[in-house]
Amino acid sequence: MAKNNANNTGNPSGFKEFLRKVLVGLKRKPSVIPFLVMVVAFLVYSLRLSNISDTTARIQGTGMGLAGFATMLFSLLSFVACLNAFPKRKKANIPMLIVLFVMLGIILYCDFVYIAGINAAYARAAADGTTLISDNTKFIPKAMTTVKIHRVIIIIDIALIILLPVYGKFIRNIKTSIEVEGNEGMGDIDISGEE
């Protein structure tokens, strides 16, 4: 009982055990890394969706509304595609992996369309001699920043999926077994004759 309390109150060995369990989970399914990055990208975009919606309504640039809608739709669908592309304890599902790359490519393209729409609005305002940003339109630069950050995270996610075989092999080689005292001299147990 006292040992359990010591582990729960910040004992370094408790943190090591937690880290070991995380590594064991990653060894079993390293594809969780790009999936979590995908979740971060979705949260970055969706938590600032009001700024993006207000910017779309204010600027009304070509394709901006559709780009925002497609980003949200394909972000949600990419979760399903990612889970199906990397089934548990099986090889990657190549058709679903292709679908996942297509969806991420569409999301990336939508981010470029959205940024281009805001840049075009800035250029129009400069040509007219007016300012696009005022006290009532502070959401426009916030939306621009959000979409740029989202674009970077999606690019990182695509790179993580492409490099998954490389760092997946490295993660699988990390030693996570626990040495038990008194087992050093034990040999392998032959169970080939047992049924």
C-alpha atoms as a PDB file:
ATOM      1  CA  MET A   1       0.000   0.000   0.000  1.00  0.00           C
ATOM      2  CA  ALA A   2       2.813   2.400   0.965  1.00  0.00           C
ATOM      3  CA  LYS A   3       4.668   1.472  -2.219  1.00  0.00           C
ATOM      4  CA  ASN A   4       1.637   2.383  -4.363  1.00  0.00           C
ATOM      5  CA  ASN A   5       1.296   5.715  -2.574  1.00  0.00           C
ATOM      6  CA  ALA A   6       5.000   6.433  -3.191  1.00  0.00           C
ATOM      7  CA  ASN A   7       4.560   5.769  -6.903  1.00  0.00           C
ATOM      8  CA  ASN A   8       1.552   8.083  -7.118  1.00  0.00           C
ATOM      9  CA  THR A   9       3.230  10.997  -5.312  1.00  0.00           C
ATOM     10  CA  GLY A  10       5.820  11.885  -7.917  1.00  0.00           C
ATOM     11  CA  ASN A  11       8.272   9.015  -7.459  1.00  0.00           C
ATOM     12  CA  PRO A  12      10.742   9.020 -10.404  1.00  0.00           C
ATOM     13  CA  SER A  13      10.254   5.262 -10.884  1.00  0.00           C
ATOM     14  CA  GLY A  14       6.516   5.912 -11.392  1.00  0.00           C
ATOM     15  CA  PHE A  15       7.282   8.324 -14.220  1.00  0.00           C
ATOM     16  CA  LYS A  16       9.715   5.806 -15.737  1.00  0.00           C
ATOM     17  CA  GLU A  17       6.998   3.144 -15.661  1.00  0.00           C
ATOM     18  CA  PHE A  18       4.536   5.550 -17.327  1.00  0.00           C
ATOM     19  CA  LEU A  19       7.132   6.355 -20.010  1.00  0.00           C
ATOM     20  CA  ARG A  20       7.795   2.638 -20.516  1.00  0.00           C
ATOM     21  CA  LYS A  21       4.063   1.983 -21.005  1.00  0.00           C
ATOM     22  CA  VAL A  22       3.843   4.821 -23.556  1.00  0.00           C
ATOM     23  CA  LEU A  23       6.813   3.370 -25.458  1.00  0.00           C
ATOM     24  CA  VAL A  24       5.257  -0.119 -25.388  1.00  0.00           C
ATOM     25  CA  GLY A  25       2.067   1.357 -26.865  1.00  0.00           C
ATOM     26  CA  LEU A  26       4.063   3.170 -29.562  1.00  0.00           C
ATOM     27  CA  LYS A  27       5.965  -0.030 -30.373  1.00  0.00           C
ATOM     28  CA  ARG A  28       2.675  -1.814 -30.967  1.00  0.00           C
ATOM     29  CA  LYS A  29       1.180   0.997 -33.037  1.00  0.00           C
ATOM     30  CA  PRO A  30       3.588   3.801 -34.063  1.00  0.00           C
ATOM     31  CA  SER A  31       0.897   5.167 -36.418  1.00  0.00           C
ATOM     32  CA  VAL A  32      -0.651   6.822 -33.362  1.00  0.00           C
ATOM     33  CA  ILE A  33       1.953   9.616 -33.764  1.00  0.00           C
ATOM     34  CA  PRO A  34       0.637  10.988 -37.113  1.00  0.00           C
ATOM     35  CA  PHE A  35      -2.917  10.396 -35.871  1.00  0.00           C
ATOM     36  CA  LEU A  36      -2.311  12.598 -32.817  1.00  0.00           C
ATOM     37  CA  VAL A  37      -0.735  15.289 -35.017  1.00  0.00           C
ATOM     38  CA  MET A  38      -3.882  15.121 -37.169  1.00  0.00           C
ATOM     39  CA  VAL A  39      -5.991  15.660 -34.031  1.00  0.00           C
ATOM     40  CA  VAL A  40      -3.837  18.683 -33.096  1.00  0.00           C
ATOM     41  CA  ALA A  41      -4.348  20.147 -36.599  1.00  0.00           C
ATOM     42  CA  PHE A  42      -8.115  19.659 -36.291  1.00  0.00           C
ATOM     43  CA  LEU A  43      -8.215  21.309 -32.863  1.00  0.00           C
ATOM     44  CA  VAL A  44      -6.108  24.278 -34.023  1.00  0.00           C
ATOM     45  CA  TYR A  45      -8.523  24.862 -36.919  1.00  0.00           C
ATOM     46  CA  SER A  46     -11.841  24.113 -35.205  1.00  0.00           C
ATOM     47  CA  LEU A  47     -11.136  26.123 -32.037  1.00  0.00           C
ATOM     48  CA  ARG A  48     -10.617  29.239 -34.208  1.00  0.00           C
ATOM     49  CA  LEU A  49     -13.481  28.472 -36.566  1.00  0.00           C
ATOM     50  CA  SER A  50     -15.406  31.591 -35.516  1.00  0.00           C
ATOM     51  CA  ASN A  51     -12.533  33.819 -36.754  1.00  0.00           C
ATOM     52  CA  ILE A  52     -12.388  31.853 -40.015  1.00  0.00           C
ATOM     53  CA  SER A  53     -16.165  32.078 -40.512  1.00  0.00           C
ATOM     54  CA  ASP A  54     -16.197  35.832 -39.766  1.00  0.00           C
ATOM     55  CA  THR A  55     -13.324  36.353 -42.223  1.00  0.00           C
ATOM     56  CA  THR A  56     -15.152  34.388 -44.913  1.00  0.00           C
ATOM     57  CA  ALA A  57     -18.310  36.472 -44.383  1.00  0.00           C
ATOM     58  CA  ARG A  58     -16.357  39.756 -44.413  1.00  0.00           C
ATOM     59  CA  ILE A  59     -14.136  39.104 -47.437  1.00  0.00           C
ATOM     60  CA  GLN A  60     -16.402  36.783 -49.462  1.00  0.00           C
ATOM     61  CA  GLY A  61     -13.469  35.701 -51.599  1.00  0.00           C
ATOM     62  CA  THR A  62     -13.817  33.129 -54.362  1.00  0.00           C
ATOM     63  CA  GLY A  63     -13.893  29.634 -52.914  1.00  0.00           C
ATOM     64  CA  MET A  64     -13.159  30.693 -49.334  1.00  0.00           C
ATOM     65  CA  GLY A  65     -16.412  29.340 -47.911  1.00  0.00           C
ATOM     66  CA  LEU A  66     -16.062  26.060 -49.771  1.00  0.00           C
ATOM     67  CA  ALA A  67     -12.420  25.793 -48.663  1.00  0.00           C
ATOM     68  CA  GLY A  68     -13.419  26.196 -44.992  1.00  0.00           C
ATOM     69  CA  PHE A  69     -16.213  23.638 -45.324  1.00  0.00           C
ATOM     70  CA  ALA A  70     -13.990  21.137 -47.158  1.00  0.00           C
ATOM     71  CA  THR A  71     -11.241  21.534 -44.546  1.00  0.00           C
ATOM     72  CA  MET A  72     -13.610  20.619 -41.709  1.00  0.00           C
ATOM     73  CA  LEU A  73     -15.213  17.762 -43.663  1.00  0.00           C
ATOM     74  CA  PHE A  74     -11.980  16.135 -44.831  1.00  0.00           C
ATOM     75  CA  SER A  75     -10.341  16.679 -41.430  1.00  0.00           C
ATOM     76  CA  LEU A  76     -13.048  14.519 -39.839  1.00  0.00           C
ATOM     77  CA  LEU A  77     -12.951  11.940 -42.644  1.00  0.00           C
ATOM     78  CA  SER A  78      -9.155  11.739 -42.441  1.00  0.00           C
ATOM     79  CA  PHE A  79      -9.458  10.393 -38.883  1.00  0.00           C
ATOM     80  CA  VAL A  80     -11.438   7.428 -40.200  1.00  0.00           C
ATOM     81  CA  ALA A  81      -9.064   6.981 -43.139  1.00  0.00           C
ATOM     82  CA  CYS A  82      -6.021   7.034 -40.821  1.00  0.00           C
ATOM     83  CA  LEU A  83      -7.500   4.425 -38.479  1.00  0.00           C
ATOM     84  CA  ASN A  84      -8.343   2.180 -41.435  1.00  0.00           C
ATOM     85  CA  ALA A  85      -5.000   2.774 -43.168  1.00  0.00           C
ATOM     86  CA  PHE A  86      -3.081   1.432 -40.176  1.00  0.00           C
ATOM     87  CA  PRO A  87      -5.055  -1.493 -38.710  1.00  0.00           C
ATOM     88  CA  LYS A  88      -3.842  -2.919 -35.399  1.00  0.00           C
ATOM     89  CA  ARG A  89      -1.048  -5.510 -35.746  1.00  0.00           C
ATOM     90  CA  LYS A  90      -1.427  -5.681 -39.535  1.00  0.00           C
ATOM     91  CA  LYS A  91       0.378  -4.185 -42.509  1.00  0.00           C
ATOM     92  CA  ALA A  92      -0.729  -0.806 -43.797  1.00  0.00           C
ATOM     93  CA  ASN A  93      -3.870  -0.822 -45.931  1.00  0.00           C
ATOM     94  CA  ILE A  94      -2.500   0.723 -49.158  1.00  0.00           C
ATOM     95  CA  PRO A  95      -5.863   1.802 -50.724  1.00  0.00           C
ATOM     96  CA  MET A  96      -6.881   3.564 -47.498  1.00  0.00           C
ATOM     97  CA  LEU A  97      -3.414   5.093 -47.246  1.00  0.00           C
ATOM     98  CA  ILE A  98      -3.880   6.576 -50.732  1.00  0.00           C
ATOM     99  CA  VAL A  99      -7.311   7.900 -49.700  1.00  0.00           C
ATOM    100  CA  LEU A 100      -5.703   9.452 -46.601  1.00  0.00           C
ATOM    101  CA  PHE A 101      -3.025  11.201 -48.692  1.00  0.00           C
ATOM    102  CA  VAL A 102      -5.708  12.499 -51.083  1.00  0.00           C
ATOM    103  CA  MET A 103      -7.712  13.903 -48.164  1.00  0.00           C
ATOM    104  CA  LEU A 104      -4.668  15.565 -46.610  1.00  0.00           C
ATOM    105  CA  GLY A 105      -3.776  16.974 -50.038  1.00  0.00           C
ATOM    106  CA  ILE A 106      -7.281  18.452 -50.353  1.00  0.00           C
ATOM    107  CA  ILE A 107      -6.991  19.996 -46.869  1.00  0.00           C
ATOM    108  CA  LEU A 108      -3.621  21.489 -47.784  1.00  0.00           C
ATOM    109  CA  TYR A 109      -5.008  22.859 -51.067  1.00  0.00           C
ATOM    110  CA  CYS A 110      -7.974  24.403 -49.195  1.00  0.00           C
ATOM    111  CA  ASP A 111      -5.579  26.166 -46.819  1.00  0.00           C
ATOM    112  CA  PHE A 112      -3.709  27.636 -49.810  1.00  0.00           C
ATOM    113  CA  VAL A 113      -7.016  28.769 -51.378  1.00  0.00           C
ATOM    114  CA  TYR A 114      -8.074  30.416 -48.127  1.00  0.00           C
ATOM    115  CA  ILE A 115      -4.767  32.238 -47.663  1.00  0.00           C
ATOM    116  CA  ALA A 116      -4.873  33.352 -51.313  1.00  0.00           C
ATOM    117  CA  GLY A 117      -8.393  34.753 -50.708  1.00  0.00           C
ATOM    118  CA  ILE A 118      -7.195  36.838 -47.760  1.00  0.00           C
ATOM    119  CA  ASN A 119      -4.119  38.046 -49.673  1.00  0.00           C
ATOM    120  CA  ALA A 120      -6.344  39.059 -52.611  1.00  0.00           C
ATOM    121  CA  ALA A 121      -8.555  41.044 -50.224  1.00  0.00           C
ATOM    122  CA  TYR A 122      -5.461  42.803 -48.815  1.00  0.00           C
ATOM    123  CA  ALA A 123      -4.338  43.628 -52.376  1.00  0.00           C
ATOM    124  CA  ARG A 124      -7.804  44.995 -53.305  1.00  0.00           C
ATOM    125  CA  ALA A 125      -7.889  47.166 -50.179  1.00  0.00           C
ATOM    126  CA  ALA A 126      -4.400  48.519 -50.939  1.00  0.00           C
ATOM    127  CA  ALA A 127      -5.383  49.294 -54.547  1.00  0.00           C
ATOM    128  CA  ASP A 128      -8.513  51.125 -53.346  1.00  0.00           C
ATOM    129  CA  GLY A 129      -6.510  53.066 -50.765  1.00  0.00           C
ATOM    130  CA  THR A 130      -8.494  51.579 -47.867  1.00  0.00           C
ATOM    131  CA  THR A 131      -7.494  49.387 -44.918  1.00  0.00           C
ATOM    132  CA  LEU A 132      -8.925  45.921 -44.506  1.00  0.00           C
ATOM    133  CA  ILE A 133      -8.008  45.714 -40.829  1.00  0.00           C
ATOM    134  CA  SER A 134      -9.862  47.845 -38.276  1.00  0.00           C
ATOM    135  CA  ASP A 135     -11.167  47.424 -34.741  1.00  0.00           C
ATOM    136  CA  ASN A 136     -14.147  45.531 -36.168  1.00  0.00           C
ATOM    137  CA  THR A 137     -12.067  43.202 -38.358  1.00  0.00           C
ATOM    138  CA  LYS A 138      -9.299  42.057 -36.009  1.00  0.00           C
ATOM    139  CA  PHE A 139     -10.420  38.492 -36.691  1.00  0.00           C
ATOM    140  CA  ILE A 140      -8.919  38.566 -40.218  1.00  0.00           C
ATOM    141  CA  PRO A 141      -5.219  38.405 -39.193  1.00  0.00           C
ATOM    142  CA  LYS A 142      -6.147  35.841 -36.523  1.00  0.00           C
ATOM    143  CA  ALA A 143      -7.797  33.671 -39.177  1.00  0.00           C
ATOM    144  CA  MET A 144      -4.774  34.083 -41.452  1.00  0.00           C
ATOM    145  CA  THR A 145      -2.418  32.983 -38.651  1.00  0.00           C
ATOM    146  CA  THR A 146      -4.643  30.006 -37.798  1.00  0.00           C
ATOM    147  CA  VAL A 147      -4.749  28.754 -41.382  1.00  0.00           C
ATOM    148  CA  LYS A 148      -0.974  29.185 -41.766  1.00  0.00           C
ATOM    149  CA  ILE A 149      -0.317  27.201 -38.572  1.00  0.00           C
ATOM    150  CA  HIS A 150      -2.818  24.570 -39.709  1.00  0.00           C
ATOM    151  CA  ARG A 151      -1.045  24.287 -43.059  1.00  0.00           C
ATOM    152  CA  VAL A 152       2.326  23.728 -41.344  1.00  0.00           C
ATOM    153  CA  ILE A 153       0.865  21.026 -39.064  1.00  0.00           C
ATOM    154  CA  ILE A 154      -0.686  19.221 -42.065  1.00  0.00           C
ATOM    155  CA  ILE A 155       2.681  19.289 -43.891  1.00  0.00           C
ATOM    156  CA  ILE A 156       4.355  17.852 -40.761  1.00  0.00           C
ATOM    157  CA  ASP A 157       1.642  15.169 -40.580  1.00  0.00           C
ATOM    158  CA  ILE A 158       2.183  14.154 -44.212  1.00  0.00           C
ATOM    159  CA  ALA A 159       5.941  13.911 -43.541  1.00  0.00           C
ATOM    160  CA  LEU A 160       5.287  11.781 -40.433  1.00  0.00           C
ATOM    161  CA  ILE A 161       3.119   9.370 -42.425  1.00  0.00           C
ATOM    162  CA  ILE A 162       5.737   9.072 -45.190  1.00  0.00           C
ATOM    163  CA  LEU A 163       8.547   8.531 -42.649  1.00  0.00           C
ATOM    164  CA  LEU A 164       6.515   6.110 -40.484  1.00  0.00           C
ATOM    165  CA  PRO A 165       8.480   3.001 -41.607  1.00  0.00           C
ATOM    166  CA  VAL A 166      11.759   4.727 -40.649  1.00  0.00           C
ATOM    167  CA  TYR A 167      10.945   5.980 -37.146  1.00  0.00           C
ATOM    168  CA  GLY A 168       8.589   3.024 -36.564  1.00  0.00           C
ATOM    169  CA  LYS A 169      11.553   0.666 -36.898  1.00  0.00           C
ATOM    170  CA  PHE A 170      13.586   2.877 -34.527  1.00  0.00           C
ATOM    171  CA  ILE A 171      10.761   2.873 -31.928  1.00  0.00           C
ATOM    172  CA  ARG A 172      10.426  -0.921 -32.162  1.00  0.00           C
ATOM    173  CA  ASN A 173      14.162  -1.288 -31.381  1.00  0.00           C
ATOM    174  CA  ILE A 174      13.863   0.634 -28.103  1.00  0.00           C
ATOM    175  CA  LYS A 175      14.256  -1.774 -25.182  1.00  0.00           C
ATOM    176  CA  THR A 176      11.184  -1.667 -22.927  1.00  0.00           C
ATOM    177  CA  SER A 177      11.465  -5.007 -21.111  1.00  0.00           C
ATOM    178  CA  ILE A 178      11.897  -5.047 -17.348  1.00  0.00           C
ATOM    179  CA  GLU A 179      14.837  -6.875 -15.755  1.00  0.00           C
ATOM    180  CA  VAL A 180      13.591  -8.995 -12.842  1.00  0.00           C
ATOM    181  CA  GLU A 181      16.082  -9.775 -10.073  1.00  0.00           C
ATOM    182  CA  GLY A 182      17.125 -13.436  -9.931  1.00  0.00           C
ATOM    183  CA  ASN A 183      16.292 -14.165 -13.585  1.00  0.00           C
ATOM    184  CA  GLU A 184      19.736 -13.390 -14.999  1.00  0.00           C
ATOM    185  CA  GLY A 185      20.930 -17.025 -14.961  1.00  0.00           C
ATOM    186  CA  MET A 186      17.736 -18.560 -16.295  1.00  0.00           C
ATOM    187  CA  GLY A 187      17.943 -20.119 -19.737  1.00  0.00           C
ATOM    188  CA  ASP A 188      15.241 -20.272 -22.371  1.00  0.00           C
ATOM    189  CA  ILE A 189      12.405 -22.660 -21.652  1.00  0.00           C
ATOM    190  CA  ASP A 190      11.811 -25.214 -24.386  1.00  0.00           C
ATOM    191  CA  ILE A 191       8.078 -25.617 -24.953  1.00  0.00           C
ATOM    192  CA  SER A 192       8.319 -27.181 -28.391  1.00  0.00           C
ATOM    193  CA  GLY A 193       7.261 -30.635 -27.105  1.00  0.00           C
ATOM    194  CA  GLU A 194       4.256 -29.341 -25.148  1.00  0.00           C
ATOM    195  CA  GLU A 195       0.776 -29.188 -26.579  1.00  0.00           C
END
